Amino acid sequence: MMMPPSEQRSAVNLFLMTTLSGNNLRGSAFWFMGDLSTPQPRSLQYLLAFGFVIAAGAIYTTASDLNLLLAGEKEAMHLGVDVPRVRIVVYIAASILTGLAVSVSGTIGYVGLLVPHVMRLIFGSDHRMLSPLLRSAARLPWSLQTLLRARSLPLQICQSAP
């Protein structure tokens, strides 16, 4: 009988928390809640920036193709869009961006998966405008934590506040 994925992740989290020493345990607990107070090494910052620029650039270069895909795959193919290539580029780039967000901020990075849907509802589906707006909107939770930095609240607490 298979365990549900949420139970599997919970089991891994509990295993890590029971086997880590004091300082590492506290660090992992904050990472699970979404902590940005730990400074990243300069080399990691360069790697994250490079990955972000490449992945965001790849998505932005497909913005007009994504707009054509809104009409449907067949229509986009007839208009000259290489649909399989666009799909692969966007899936890989979105996976890289998600991985970068989660690696820096902890599991709260998955909240960023909701932001594009909300922004699309508010501002429409034009990807040329949506891509830059998403980068700005994604910074809002981190801005809230910066304002509350004196208390160093984890992002998960900031996100759940009404």
N, C-alpha and C. Protein backbone atom coordinates (compact mmCIF):
# COMPACT_ATOMS: atom_id res chain seq x y z
N MET A 1 0.85 -1.18 0.00
CA MET A 1 0.00 0.00 0.00
C MET A 1 0.90 1.25 0.00
N MET A 2 0.62 2.17 -0.93
CA MET A 2 1.43 3.38 -1.06
C MET A 2 1.01 4.45 -0.05
N MET A 3 2.02 5.16 0.46
CA MET A 3 1.74 6.31 1.32
C MET A 3 1.45 7.52 0.43
N PRO A 4 0.54 8.38 0.82
CA PRO A 4 0.32 9.61 0.06
C PRO A 4 1.60 10.45 0.06
N PRO A 5 1.84 11.22 -1.02
CA PRO A 5 3.07 12.01 -1.09
C PRO A 5 3.26 12.97 0.08
N SER A 6 2.19 13.55 0.59
CA SER A 6 2.34 14.47 1.73
C SER A 6 2.86 13.73 2.96
N GLU A 7 2.43 12.50 3.15
CA GLU A 7 2.92 11.70 4.28
C GLU A 7 4.37 11.32 4.08
N GLN A 8 4.76 11.04 2.84
CA GLN A 8 6.16 10.72 2.56
C GLN A 8 7.06 11.91 2.88
N ARG A 9 6.64 13.10 2.44
CA ARG A 9 7.43 14.31 2.73
C ARG A 9 7.49 14.57 4.23
N SER A 10 6.39 14.36 4.90
CA SER A 10 6.36 14.56 6.35
C SER A 10 7.30 13.58 7.04
N ALA A 11 7.35 12.35 6.57
CA ALA A 11 8.25 11.36 7.15
C ALA A 11 9.71 11.75 6.95
N VAL A 12 10.04 12.26 5.77
CA VAL A 12 11.42 12.71 5.52
C VAL A 12 11.75 13.89 6.41
N ASN A 13 10.83 14.84 6.54
CA ASN A 13 11.06 16.00 7.41
C ASN A 13 11.29 15.56 8.86
N LEU A 14 10.46 14.68 9.36
CA LEU A 14 10.62 14.21 10.73
C LEU A 14 11.93 13.45 10.91
N PHE A 15 12.30 12.64 9.93
CA PHE A 15 13.58 11.93 10.01
C PHE A 15 14.74 12.92 10.10
N LEU A 16 14.73 13.93 9.24
CA LEU A 16 15.81 14.92 9.27
C LEU A 16 15.84 15.67 10.60
N MET A 17 14.69 16.04 11.11
CA MET A 17 14.64 16.80 12.35
C MET A 17 15.08 15.97 13.55
N THR A 18 14.89 14.67 13.51
CA THR A 18 15.31 13.83 14.64
C THR A 18 16.78 13.45 14.56
N THR A 19 17.39 13.55 13.39
CA THR A 19 18.79 13.15 13.26
C THR A 19 19.76 14.33 13.22
N LEU A 20 19.28 15.54 13.10
CA LEU A 20 20.17 16.70 13.02
C LEU A 20 20.54 17.20 14.42
N SER A 21 21.72 17.84 14.50
CA SER A 21 22.15 18.42 15.78
C SER A 21 21.45 19.76 16.00
N GLY A 22 21.68 20.36 17.16
CA GLY A 22 20.96 21.56 17.59
C GLY A 22 20.91 22.70 16.60
N ASN A 23 22.06 23.19 16.14
CA ASN A 23 22.08 24.33 15.22
C ASN A 23 21.47 23.97 13.87
N ASN A 24 21.81 22.79 13.36
CA ASN A 24 21.25 22.35 12.08
C ASN A 24 19.75 22.14 12.17
N LEU A 25 19.29 21.66 13.32
CA LEU A 25 17.86 21.44 13.51
C LEU A 25 17.10 22.75 13.44
N ARG A 26 17.62 23.77 14.11
CA ARG A 26 16.97 25.08 14.08
C ARG A 26 16.97 25.65 12.66
N GLY A 27 18.10 25.50 11.97
CA GLY A 27 18.19 25.99 10.59
C GLY A 27 17.22 25.29 9.67
N SER A 28 17.09 23.96 9.82
CA SER A 28 16.17 23.24 8.95
C SER A 28 14.72 23.59 9.28
N ALA A 29 14.42 23.80 10.55
CA ALA A 29 13.05 24.19 10.91
C ALA A 29 12.69 25.52 10.28
N PHE A 30 13.62 26.48 10.31
CA PHE A 30 13.35 27.78 9.68
C PHE A 30 13.26 27.65 8.16
N TRP A 31 14.08 26.76 7.56
CA TRP A 31 14.02 26.57 6.12
C TRP A 31 12.65 26.00 5.73
N PHE A 32 12.13 25.05 6.51
CA PHE A 32 10.82 24.48 6.21
C PHE A 32 9.72 25.54 6.31
N MET A 33 9.91 26.53 7.19
CA MET A 33 8.90 27.59 7.33
C MET A 33 9.13 28.72 6.34
N GLY A 34 10.28 28.77 5.71
CA GLY A 34 10.56 29.81 4.73
C GLY A 34 11.33 30.96 5.33
N ASP A 35 12.62 30.78 5.55
CA ASP A 35 13.45 31.79 6.19
C ASP A 35 14.41 32.39 5.18
N LEU A 36 14.46 33.71 5.13
CA LEU A 36 15.42 34.40 4.25
C LEU A 36 16.46 35.16 5.05
N SER A 37 16.51 34.98 6.36
CA SER A 37 17.42 35.77 7.18
C SER A 37 18.86 35.28 7.10
N THR A 38 19.09 34.05 6.66
CA THR A 38 20.44 33.54 6.53
C THR A 38 21.06 34.06 5.25
N PRO A 39 22.17 34.78 5.35
CA PRO A 39 22.79 35.30 4.13
C PRO A 39 23.36 34.17 3.27
N GLN A 40 23.20 34.31 1.98
CA GLN A 40 23.72 33.31 1.05
C GLN A 40 25.16 33.66 0.69
N PRO A 41 26.02 32.65 0.50
CA PRO A 41 27.38 32.93 0.05
C PRO A 41 27.38 33.62 -1.31
N ARG A 42 28.38 34.45 -1.54
CA ARG A 42 28.47 35.23 -2.78
C ARG A 42 28.43 34.33 -4.02
N SER A 43 29.15 33.20 -3.97
CA SER A 43 29.18 32.30 -5.14
C SER A 43 27.78 31.73 -5.42
N LEU A 44 27.02 31.45 -4.37
CA LEU A 44 25.66 30.95 -4.56
C LEU A 44 24.75 32.05 -5.12
N GLN A 45 24.97 33.28 -4.69
CA GLN A 45 24.19 34.39 -5.23
C GLN A 45 24.41 34.54 -6.73
N TYR A 46 25.66 34.39 -7.16
CA TYR A 46 25.96 34.47 -8.59
C TYR A 46 25.28 33.34 -9.36
N LEU A 47 25.34 32.14 -8.79
CA LEU A 47 24.71 30.99 -9.44
C LEU A 47 23.20 31.18 -9.54
N LEU A 48 22.58 31.67 -8.46
CA LEU A 48 21.13 31.91 -8.47
C LEU A 48 20.76 33.00 -9.48
N ALA A 49 21.54 34.07 -9.51
CA ALA A 49 21.26 35.16 -10.45
C ALA A 49 21.42 34.68 -11.89
N PHE A 50 22.46 33.90 -12.15
CA PHE A 50 22.68 33.38 -13.50
C PHE A 50 21.52 32.47 -13.91
N GLY A 51 21.12 31.56 -13.02
CA GLY A 51 20.00 30.66 -13.32
C GLY A 51 18.71 31.42 -13.55
N PHE A 52 18.48 32.46 -12.74
CA PHE A 52 17.26 33.26 -12.89
C PHE A 52 17.25 33.99 -14.23
N VAL A 53 18.35 34.62 -14.57
CA VAL A 53 18.41 35.38 -15.82
C VAL A 53 18.20 34.46 -17.03
N ILE A 54 18.84 33.31 -17.02
CA ILE A 54 18.71 32.37 -18.14
C ILE A 54 17.26 31.86 -18.24
N ALA A 55 16.70 31.39 -17.12
CA ALA A 55 15.35 30.82 -17.15
C ALA A 55 14.30 31.88 -17.46
N ALA A 56 14.39 33.04 -16.82
CA ALA A 56 13.41 34.11 -17.08
C ALA A 56 13.54 34.61 -18.52
N GLY A 57 14.77 34.70 -19.01
CA GLY A 57 14.98 35.11 -20.40
C GLY A 57 14.38 34.11 -21.38
N ALA A 58 14.53 32.82 -21.07
CA ALA A 58 13.96 31.79 -21.95
C ALA A 58 12.44 31.91 -22.00
N ILE A 59 11.83 32.15 -20.86
CA ILE A 59 10.36 32.30 -20.84
C ILE A 59 9.95 33.57 -21.57
N TYR A 60 10.69 34.66 -21.34
CA TYR A 60 10.32 35.92 -21.98
C TYR A 60 10.46 35.84 -23.50
N THR A 61 11.45 35.08 -24.00
CA THR A 61 11.62 34.97 -25.45
C THR A 61 10.48 34.18 -26.10
N THR A 62 9.77 33.39 -25.30
CA THR A 62 8.63 32.64 -25.85
C THR A 62 7.30 33.33 -25.58
N ALA A 63 7.33 34.57 -25.11
CA ALA A 63 6.10 35.26 -24.73
C ALA A 63 5.11 35.37 -25.89
N SER A 64 5.58 35.75 -27.07
CA SER A 64 4.64 35.89 -28.20
C SER A 64 4.10 34.52 -28.63
N ASP A 65 4.95 33.47 -28.55
CA ASP A 65 4.46 32.12 -28.86
C ASP A 65 3.42 31.68 -27.84
N LEU A 66 3.64 32.02 -26.57
CA LEU A 66 2.67 31.67 -25.53
C LEU A 66 1.33 32.39 -25.77
N ASN A 67 1.41 33.63 -26.23
CA ASN A 67 0.19 34.35 -26.56
C ASN A 67 -0.58 33.65 -27.68
N LEU A 68 0.14 33.16 -28.69
CA LEU A 68 -0.51 32.44 -29.78
C LEU A 68 -1.07 31.11 -29.31
N LEU A 69 -0.42 30.47 -28.34
CA LEU A 69 -0.91 29.21 -27.80
C LEU A 69 -2.23 29.37 -27.04
N LEU A 70 -2.54 30.59 -26.61
CA LEU A 70 -3.82 30.82 -25.94
C LEU A 70 -4.99 30.53 -26.86
N ALA A 71 -4.77 30.65 -28.15
CA ALA A 71 -5.83 30.37 -29.12
C ALA A 71 -6.01 28.88 -29.34
N GLY A 72 -5.07 28.08 -28.89
CA GLY A 72 -5.12 26.63 -29.07
C GLY A 72 -3.87 26.14 -29.78
N GLU A 73 -3.55 24.87 -29.58
CA GLU A 73 -2.33 24.33 -30.15
C GLU A 73 -2.37 24.27 -31.67
N LYS A 74 -3.49 23.82 -32.23
CA LYS A 74 -3.58 23.70 -33.68
C LYS A 74 -3.48 25.06 -34.36
N GLU A 75 -4.17 26.04 -33.79
CA GLU A 75 -4.11 27.39 -34.36
C GLU A 75 -2.70 27.94 -34.27
N ALA A 76 -2.03 27.71 -33.15
CA ALA A 76 -0.66 28.20 -32.99
C ALA A 76 0.28 27.51 -33.97
N MET A 77 0.08 26.20 -34.20
CA MET A 77 0.91 25.49 -35.18
C MET A 77 0.72 26.06 -36.57
N HIS A 78 -0.54 26.38 -36.92
CA HIS A 78 -0.81 26.96 -38.24
C HIS A 78 -0.21 28.36 -38.38
N LEU A 79 -0.01 29.03 -37.26
CA LEU A 79 0.58 30.35 -37.29
C LEU A 79 2.11 30.30 -37.18
N GLY A 80 2.67 29.10 -37.19
CA GLY A 80 4.12 28.96 -37.24
C GLY A 80 4.82 28.71 -35.92
N VAL A 81 4.08 28.43 -34.86
CA VAL A 81 4.68 28.17 -33.55
C VAL A 81 5.12 26.71 -33.48
N ASP A 82 6.35 26.50 -33.06
CA ASP A 82 6.85 25.14 -32.83
C ASP A 82 6.40 24.74 -31.42
N VAL A 83 5.19 24.21 -31.30
CA VAL A 83 4.56 23.95 -30.01
C VAL A 83 5.38 23.02 -29.11
N PRO A 84 5.89 21.89 -29.61
CA PRO A 84 6.69 21.04 -28.72
C PRO A 84 7.93 21.75 -28.16
N ARG A 85 8.59 22.55 -29.00
CA ARG A 85 9.78 23.28 -28.53
C ARG A 85 9.40 24.30 -27.46
N VAL A 86 8.32 25.04 -27.68
CA VAL A 86 7.89 26.04 -26.70
C VAL A 86 7.52 25.37 -25.38
N ARG A 87 6.81 24.25 -25.46
CA ARG A 87 6.44 23.52 -24.25
C ARG A 87 7.68 23.10 -23.45
N ILE A 88 8.64 22.51 -24.13
CA ILE A 88 9.84 22.04 -23.45
C ILE A 88 10.60 23.20 -22.83
N VAL A 89 10.76 24.29 -23.58
CA VAL A 89 11.49 25.45 -23.06
C VAL A 89 10.80 26.02 -21.83
N VAL A 90 9.49 26.18 -21.90
CA VAL A 90 8.75 26.77 -20.77
C VAL A 90 8.74 25.83 -19.57
N TYR A 91 8.54 24.53 -19.79
CA TYR A 91 8.53 23.58 -18.67
C TYR A 91 9.88 23.55 -17.96
N ILE A 92 10.95 23.49 -18.74
CA ILE A 92 12.29 23.44 -18.13
C ILE A 92 12.60 24.74 -17.40
N ALA A 93 12.31 25.87 -18.05
CA ALA A 93 12.60 27.16 -17.42
C ALA A 93 11.76 27.37 -16.16
N ALA A 94 10.49 27.00 -16.21
CA ALA A 94 9.64 27.14 -15.02
C ALA A 94 10.10 26.21 -13.90
N SER A 95 10.57 25.03 -14.25
CA SER A 95 11.10 24.11 -13.23
C SER A 95 12.35 24.67 -12.59
N ILE A 96 13.21 25.27 -13.39
CA ILE A 96 14.43 25.88 -12.85
C ILE A 96 14.08 27.03 -11.91
N LEU A 97 13.15 27.88 -12.33
CA LEU A 97 12.76 29.01 -11.48
C LEU A 97 12.13 28.54 -10.18
N THR A 98 11.30 27.51 -10.23
CA THR A 98 10.69 26.95 -9.02
C THR A 98 11.76 26.38 -8.11
N GLY A 99 12.70 25.64 -8.69
CA GLY A 99 13.79 25.07 -7.90
C GLY A 99 14.64 26.15 -7.25
N LEU A 100 14.92 27.23 -7.96
CA LEU A 100 15.70 28.33 -7.38
C LEU A 100 14.95 28.97 -6.22
N ALA A 101 13.65 29.20 -6.39
CA ALA A 101 12.86 29.82 -5.32
C ALA A 101 12.83 28.94 -4.08
N VAL A 102 12.63 27.66 -4.27
CA VAL A 102 12.55 26.75 -3.12
C VAL A 102 13.91 26.58 -2.46
N SER A 103 14.98 26.54 -3.24
CA SER A 103 16.31 26.35 -2.65
C SER A 103 16.72 27.53 -1.79
N VAL A 104 16.28 28.72 -2.12
CA VAL A 104 16.64 29.90 -1.34
C VAL A 104 15.69 30.12 -0.17
N SER A 105 14.40 30.01 -0.41
CA SER A 105 13.43 30.42 0.60
C SER A 105 12.82 29.28 1.37
N GLY A 106 13.06 28.05 0.99
CA GLY A 106 12.44 26.93 1.67
C GLY A 106 11.15 26.53 0.98
N THR A 107 10.40 25.71 1.65
CA THR A 107 9.19 25.16 1.02
C THR A 107 8.15 26.23 0.72
N ILE A 108 8.27 27.39 1.31
CA ILE A 108 7.32 28.47 1.04
C ILE A 108 7.44 28.94 -0.41
N GLY A 109 8.52 28.57 -1.08
CA GLY A 109 8.69 28.93 -2.49
C GLY A 109 7.57 28.41 -3.36
N TYR A 110 6.89 27.35 -2.92
CA TYR A 110 5.79 26.82 -3.70
C TYR A 110 4.60 27.78 -3.73
N VAL A 111 4.53 28.72 -2.79
CA VAL A 111 3.45 29.71 -2.82
C VAL A 111 3.55 30.51 -4.11
N GLY A 112 4.77 30.64 -4.63
CA GLY A 112 4.97 31.36 -5.87
C GLY A 112 4.25 30.73 -7.06
N LEU A 113 3.83 29.50 -6.91
CA LEU A 113 3.09 28.87 -7.99
C LEU A 113 1.68 29.44 -8.10
N LEU A 114 1.18 30.05 -7.04
CA LEU A 114 -0.15 30.65 -7.06
C LEU A 114 -0.12 32.04 -7.69
N VAL A 115 0.99 32.75 -7.54
CA VAL A 115 1.10 34.13 -8.00
C VAL A 115 0.78 34.29 -9.49
N PRO A 116 1.30 33.44 -10.39
CA PRO A 116 0.96 33.64 -11.81
C PRO A 116 -0.53 33.56 -12.11
N HIS A 117 -1.23 32.68 -11.44
CA HIS A 117 -2.66 32.54 -11.70
C HIS A 117 -3.43 33.77 -11.22
N VAL A 118 -3.06 34.29 -10.08
CA VAL A 118 -3.72 35.49 -9.57
C VAL A 118 -3.42 36.69 -10.47
N MET A 119 -2.16 36.82 -10.89
CA MET A 119 -1.79 37.94 -11.76
C MET A 119 -2.51 37.84 -13.11
N ARG A 120 -2.68 36.64 -13.62
CA ARG A 120 -3.38 36.46 -14.89
C ARG A 120 -4.84 36.88 -14.76
N LEU A 121 -5.45 36.58 -13.61
CA LEU A 121 -6.84 37.00 -13.39
C LEU A 121 -6.95 38.51 -13.31
N ILE A 122 -5.96 39.15 -12.70
CA ILE A 122 -6.02 40.61 -12.52
C ILE A 122 -5.65 41.36 -13.79
N PHE A 123 -4.54 40.96 -14.46
CA PHE A 123 -3.98 41.75 -15.55
C PHE A 123 -4.20 41.17 -16.95
N GLY A 124 -4.83 40.02 -17.06
CA GLY A 124 -5.06 39.44 -18.38
C GLY A 124 -3.97 38.45 -18.77
N SER A 125 -4.04 37.98 -20.00
CA SER A 125 -3.19 36.87 -20.43
C SER A 125 -2.06 37.25 -21.37
N ASP A 126 -1.78 38.53 -21.57
CA ASP A 126 -0.69 38.92 -22.47
C ASP A 126 0.64 38.66 -21.77
N HIS A 127 1.37 37.67 -22.25
CA HIS A 127 2.60 37.25 -21.59
C HIS A 127 3.72 38.28 -21.69
N ARG A 128 3.65 39.18 -22.67
CA ARG A 128 4.67 40.23 -22.76
C ARG A 128 4.57 41.17 -21.57
N MET A 129 3.35 41.40 -21.07
CA MET A 129 3.17 42.24 -19.89
C MET A 129 3.21 41.41 -18.61
N LEU A 130 2.74 40.17 -18.69
CA LEU A 130 2.62 39.32 -17.51
C LEU A 130 3.98 38.93 -16.94
N SER A 131 4.96 38.62 -17.78
CA SER A 131 6.27 38.17 -17.29
C SER A 131 6.94 39.21 -16.39
N PRO A 132 7.05 40.48 -16.80
CA PRO A 132 7.65 41.46 -15.89
C PRO A 132 6.82 41.69 -14.62
N LEU A 133 5.50 41.65 -14.74
CA LEU A 133 4.65 41.84 -13.57
C LEU A 133 4.83 40.71 -12.55
N LEU A 134 5.01 39.50 -13.05
CA LEU A 134 5.20 38.36 -12.15
C LEU A 134 6.47 38.50 -11.33
N ARG A 135 7.53 39.01 -11.95
CA ARG A 135 8.77 39.19 -11.21
C ARG A 135 8.58 40.20 -10.07
N SER A 136 7.80 41.23 -10.33
CA SER A 136 7.54 42.22 -9.28
C SER A 136 6.64 41.66 -8.19
N ALA A 137 5.60 40.94 -8.58
CA ALA A 137 4.66 40.40 -7.60
C ALA A 137 5.30 39.32 -6.74
N ALA A 138 6.23 38.60 -7.30
CA ALA A 138 6.89 37.54 -6.54
C ALA A 138 7.72 38.09 -5.39
N ARG A 139 8.09 39.35 -5.47
CA ARG A 139 8.91 39.95 -4.42
C ARG A 139 8.08 40.41 -3.21
N LEU A 140 6.77 40.45 -3.32
CA LEU A 140 5.94 40.98 -2.24
C LEU A 140 6.10 40.24 -0.91
N PRO A 141 6.06 38.92 -0.87
CA PRO A 141 6.24 38.25 0.44
C PRO A 141 7.60 38.55 1.07
N TRP A 142 8.64 38.64 0.23
CA TRP A 142 9.97 38.93 0.77
C TRP A 142 10.04 40.37 1.27
N SER A 143 9.33 41.28 0.60
CA SER A 143 9.28 42.66 1.08
C SER A 143 8.59 42.74 2.44
N LEU A 144 7.53 41.95 2.61
CA LEU A 144 6.85 41.92 3.90
C LEU A 144 7.78 41.41 4.99
N GLN A 145 8.55 40.39 4.68
CA GLN A 145 9.48 39.87 5.69
C GLN A 145 10.56 40.90 6.01
N THR A 146 11.01 41.65 5.01
CA THR A 146 12.02 42.67 5.24
C THR A 146 11.50 43.74 6.18
N LEU A 147 10.23 44.13 5.99
CA LEU A 147 9.63 45.13 6.88
C LEU A 147 9.54 44.61 8.32
N LEU A 148 9.33 43.31 8.46
CA LEU A 148 9.19 42.71 9.78
C LEU A 148 10.50 42.09 10.27
N ARG A 149 11.62 42.44 9.65
CA ARG A 149 12.90 41.80 9.92
C ARG A 149 13.32 41.92 11.38
N ALA A 150 12.89 42.95 12.07
CA ALA A 150 13.27 43.10 13.48
C ALA A 150 12.83 41.87 14.28
N ARG A 151 11.72 41.28 13.89
CA ARG A 151 11.23 40.08 14.58
C ARG A 151 11.72 38.80 13.89
N SER A 152 12.23 38.94 12.66
CA SER A 152 12.71 37.80 11.87
C SER A 152 11.67 36.69 11.80
N LEU A 153 10.48 37.06 11.39
CA LEU A 153 9.41 36.08 11.24
C LEU A 153 9.62 35.25 9.99
N PRO A 154 9.41 33.95 10.06
CA PRO A 154 9.50 33.13 8.86
C PRO A 154 8.43 33.52 7.85
N LEU A 155 8.74 33.32 6.58
CA LEU A 155 7.80 33.72 5.52
C LEU A 155 6.46 33.02 5.62
N GLN A 156 6.44 31.79 6.10
CA GLN A 156 5.18 31.07 6.19
C GLN A 156 4.21 31.79 7.11
N ILE A 157 4.73 32.39 8.17
CA ILE A 157 3.89 33.15 9.10
C ILE A 157 3.40 34.43 8.41
N CYS A 158 4.29 35.10 7.64
CA CYS A 158 3.89 36.31 6.93
C CYS A 158 2.83 36.00 5.88
N GLN A 159 2.97 34.87 5.18
CA GLN A 159 2.02 34.50 4.13
C GLN A 159 0.65 34.16 4.71
N SER A 160 0.61 33.56 5.90
CA SER A 160 -0.67 33.13 6.43
C SER A 160 -1.42 34.26 7.12
N ALA A 161 -0.76 35.39 7.35
CA ALA A 161 -1.44 36.52 7.98
C ALA A 161 -2.49 37.08 7.03
N PRO A 162 -3.66 37.48 7.53
CA PRO A 162 -4.71 38.01 6.65
C PRO A 162 -4.35 39.35 6.06
